[in-house]
Amino acid sequence: MKEYFSHDYFSRNDPKILKLRMKLKWEGVGLYWALVEIAYEQGGGFPESNLKMIAFELRVKEEILKSVLNDFDLFYLRDGFYGSESLDKRINFRQGKSQTSKNNALSKWKSEINENNRLTRSERLAAARKKG
């Protein structure tokens, strides 16, 4: 199943990304987005101990990967995990929207149950026939 997350359409001109492009060209930008995807897939971050494996997966030297992660203020390292402030904001926003949708659905469901409880059996059957 494909999942999507928001992406700033003007990110290629962000000063941090420009510095990355100056040093590592477009390969650096590709690695940046690959790392964002990996962090997203793993709930928002990944352990520093996985760098060798990630470098292998992305077919890049570990030193280049470390440069993308450490030299451009695009990622942070906390308690042995790499993450991204930008990705954290997107994940929190998405989770907020998801929770709001769940709350709205639950409220609608409870409202329908309450409405059905006020109806007589024959009124409930008539309403069900109209829906179905």
Foldseek 3Di string as FASTA:
>chain_A
DDDDFDDPPCVCPDPLNVVQCVVPNVVLVVLLVVLLVVCVVVPFKDFPVCLVVVCVVVVHDSVSSVCSQPPRQQWDADPRIIGGPVSVVRVVVVVVVVVVVVVVVVVVVVVVVVVLVVDDPVVNVVVVVVVD
